[in-house]
Each structure stands twice: as structure tokens, then as C-alpha cells.
Amino acid sequence: MAFLCRRFKVSRSGFYAWLTRDGGQRRRNDEELGARIERIHGDSGRALRLATGARVLRREGIRCSNKRVARLMRERDCEDG
């Protein structure tokens, strides 16, 4: 561990503090949005198409890019083959 900290010029205490963090605001937002996508997927009873998932989110008042929705759908296996 000491070698890696020296190599990347970070303190060991800083590295261990980074390990214990819960993530940034973006990660928390992704978790919340991903949970909504999973709910939409569960309600539909089948794989979602990107357009369908994004359209439902827009109807719910959620603004996000299609690329972000696609990434979250892919990460959660909610997309249409």
C-alpha cells in the first residue's frame, strides 16, 4: 500500500479516507435514478427500450440525458436485447 501511495503521491490517511466515503452527489443521484428505472422495468414486466424508459422518466418530471438512462439500464440489466 505504501508503494502505491508514494507512486500516486497521496497520503495513506487520504487513501483510507477515500475508501470509506459513500460516493459523491452524482453517484447518489445515479442510485436514485437507477431505482426508478428498476421500478419502471418491474412495472412493465418486460425489458425496456431506451425510448420507453426515458419517456416515462420525463413524464415523472425527471430530466436526464438518454446516454445516462442507457448506462443505468445497462448496469441494471433492464434494457431490451
C-alpha atoms as a PDB file:
ATOM      1  CA  MET A   1       0.000   0.000   0.000  1.00  0.00           C
ATOM      2  CA  ALA A   2       2.799   2.393   0.879  1.00  0.00           C
ATOM      3  CA  PHE A   3       4.327   1.917  -2.588  1.00  0.00           C
ATOM      4  CA  LEU A   4       1.072   2.822  -4.329  1.00  0.00           C
ATOM      5  CA  CYS A   5       0.555   5.873  -2.149  1.00  0.00           C
ATOM      6  CA  ARG A   6       4.068   7.092  -2.978  1.00  0.00           C
ATOM      7  CA  ARG A   7       3.578   6.259  -6.655  1.00  0.00           C
ATOM      8  CA  PHE A   8       0.356   8.266  -6.946  1.00  0.00           C
ATOM      9  CA  LYS A   9       1.509  10.951  -4.485  1.00  0.00           C
ATOM     10  CA  VAL A  10      -1.309  10.561  -1.996  1.00  0.00           C
ATOM     11  CA  SER A  11      -1.118  10.213   1.758  1.00  0.00           C
ATOM     12  CA  ARG A  12      -2.077   6.907   3.305  1.00  0.00           C
ATOM     13  CA  SER A  13      -4.620   8.598   5.543  1.00  0.00           C
ATOM     14  CA  GLY A  14      -6.137  10.297   2.483  1.00  0.00           C
ATOM     15  CA  PHE A  15      -6.365   6.966   0.674  1.00  0.00           C
ATOM     16  CA  TYR A  16      -8.123   5.270   3.587  1.00  0.00           C
ATOM     17  CA  ALA A  17     -10.487   8.233   3.982  1.00  0.00           C
ATOM     18  CA  TRP A  18     -11.333   7.908   0.279  1.00  0.00           C
ATOM     19  CA  LEU A  19     -12.086   4.197   0.755  1.00  0.00           C
ATOM     20  CA  THR A  20     -14.661   4.898   3.460  1.00  0.00           C
ATOM     21  CA  ARG A  21     -16.565   7.627   1.599  1.00  0.00           C
ATOM     22  CA  ASP A  22     -20.019   6.781   0.299  1.00  0.00           C
ATOM     23  CA  GLY A  23     -19.509   8.472  -3.058  1.00  0.00           C
ATOM     24  CA  GLY A  24     -20.365  11.819  -4.478  1.00  0.00           C
ATOM     25  CA  GLN A  25     -23.622  13.527  -5.305  1.00  0.00           C
ATOM     26  CA  ARG A  26     -23.556  12.108  -8.838  1.00  0.00           C
ATOM     27  CA  ARG A  27     -23.354   8.535  -7.519  1.00  0.00           C
ATOM     28  CA  ARG A  28     -26.239   9.147  -5.109  1.00  0.00           C
ATOM     29  CA  ASN A  29     -28.305  10.625  -7.939  1.00  0.00           C
ATOM     30  CA  ASP A  30     -27.465   7.620 -10.127  1.00  0.00           C
ATOM     31  CA  GLU A  31     -28.627   5.270  -7.366  1.00  0.00           C
ATOM     32  CA  GLU A  32     -31.935   7.110  -7.051  1.00  0.00           C
ATOM     33  CA  LEU A  33     -32.463   7.271 -10.809  1.00  0.00           C
ATOM     34  CA  GLY A  34     -31.458   3.610 -11.164  1.00  0.00           C
ATOM     35  CA  ALA A  35     -34.043   2.615  -8.570  1.00  0.00           C
ATOM     36  CA  ARG A  36     -36.720   4.464 -10.578  1.00  0.00           C
ATOM     37  CA  ILE A  37     -35.592   2.704 -13.754  1.00  0.00           C
ATOM     38  CA  GLU A  38     -35.810  -0.674 -11.999  1.00  0.00           C
ATOM     39  CA  ARG A  39     -39.330   0.200 -10.816  1.00  0.00           C
ATOM     40  CA  ILE A  40     -40.362   1.139 -14.351  1.00  0.00           C
ATOM     41  CA  HIS A  41     -38.815  -2.088 -15.616  1.00  0.00           C
ATOM     42  CA  GLY A  42     -40.651  -4.129 -12.982  1.00  0.00           C
ATOM     43  CA  ASP A  43     -43.964  -2.432 -13.754  1.00  0.00           C
ATOM     44  CA  SER A  44     -43.594  -3.132 -17.466  1.00  0.00           C
ATOM     45  CA  GLY A  45     -42.971  -6.857 -16.947  1.00  0.00           C
ATOM     46  CA  ARG A  46     -40.506  -6.993 -19.826  1.00  0.00           C
ATOM     47  CA  ALA A  47     -37.233  -5.485 -20.999  1.00  0.00           C
ATOM     48  CA  LEU A  48     -37.366  -1.753 -21.563  1.00  0.00           C
ATOM     49  CA  ARG A  49     -36.395   0.120 -24.657  1.00  0.00           C
ATOM     50  CA  LEU A  50     -34.372   3.241 -24.047  1.00  0.00           C
ATOM     51  CA  ALA A  51     -37.061   5.473 -25.548  1.00  0.00           C
ATOM     52  CA  THR A  52     -39.724   3.997 -23.281  1.00  0.00           C
ATOM     53  CA  GLY A  53     -37.664   4.361 -20.123  1.00  0.00           C
ATOM     54  CA  ALA A  54     -36.630   7.923 -20.945  1.00  0.00           C
ATOM     55  CA  ARG A  55     -40.206   8.885 -21.864  1.00  0.00           C
ATOM     56  CA  VAL A  56     -41.614   7.569 -18.574  1.00  0.00           C
ATOM     57  CA  LEU A  57     -38.912   9.427 -16.621  1.00  0.00           C
ATOM     58  CA  ARG A  58     -39.738  12.659 -18.451  1.00  0.00           C
ATOM     59  CA  ARG A  59     -43.419  12.192 -17.624  1.00  0.00           C
ATOM     60  CA  GLU A  60     -42.415  11.873 -13.967  1.00  0.00           C
ATOM     61  CA  GLY A  61     -40.556  15.183 -14.233  1.00  0.00           C
ATOM     62  CA  ILE A  62     -37.046  13.709 -14.234  1.00  0.00           C
ATOM     63  CA  ARG A  63     -34.644  15.416 -16.628  1.00  0.00           C
ATOM     64  CA  CYS A  64     -31.592  13.430 -17.709  1.00  0.00           C
ATOM     65  CA  SER A  65     -29.813  12.526 -20.910  1.00  0.00           C
ATOM     66  CA  ASN A  66     -30.604   9.449 -22.949  1.00  0.00           C
ATOM     67  CA  LYS A  67     -26.984   8.329 -22.552  1.00  0.00           C
ATOM     68  CA  ARG A  68     -27.299   8.387 -18.767  1.00  0.00           C
ATOM     69  CA  VAL A  69     -30.558   6.433 -18.881  1.00  0.00           C
ATOM     70  CA  ALA A  70     -28.952   3.925 -21.276  1.00  0.00           C
ATOM     71  CA  ARG A  71     -25.942   3.460 -18.971  1.00  0.00           C
ATOM     72  CA  LEU A  72     -28.118   2.920 -15.901  1.00  0.00           C
ATOM     73  CA  MET A  73     -30.374   0.498 -17.804  1.00  0.00           C
ATOM     74  CA  ARG A  74     -27.322  -1.445 -18.970  1.00  0.00           C
ATOM     75  CA  GLU A  75     -25.856  -1.571 -15.456  1.00  0.00           C
ATOM     76  CA  ARG A  76     -29.124  -2.977 -14.102  1.00  0.00           C
ATOM     77  CA  ASP A  77     -29.913  -5.357 -17.000  1.00  0.00           C
ATOM     78  CA  CYS A  78     -33.152  -3.534 -17.761  1.00  0.00           C
ATOM     79  CA  GLU A  79     -32.551  -2.951 -21.442  1.00  0.00           C
ATOM     80  CA  ASP A  80     -34.052  -4.649 -24.441  1.00  0.00           C
ATOM     81  CA  GLY A  81     -31.618  -7.099 -26.085  1.00  0.00           C
END
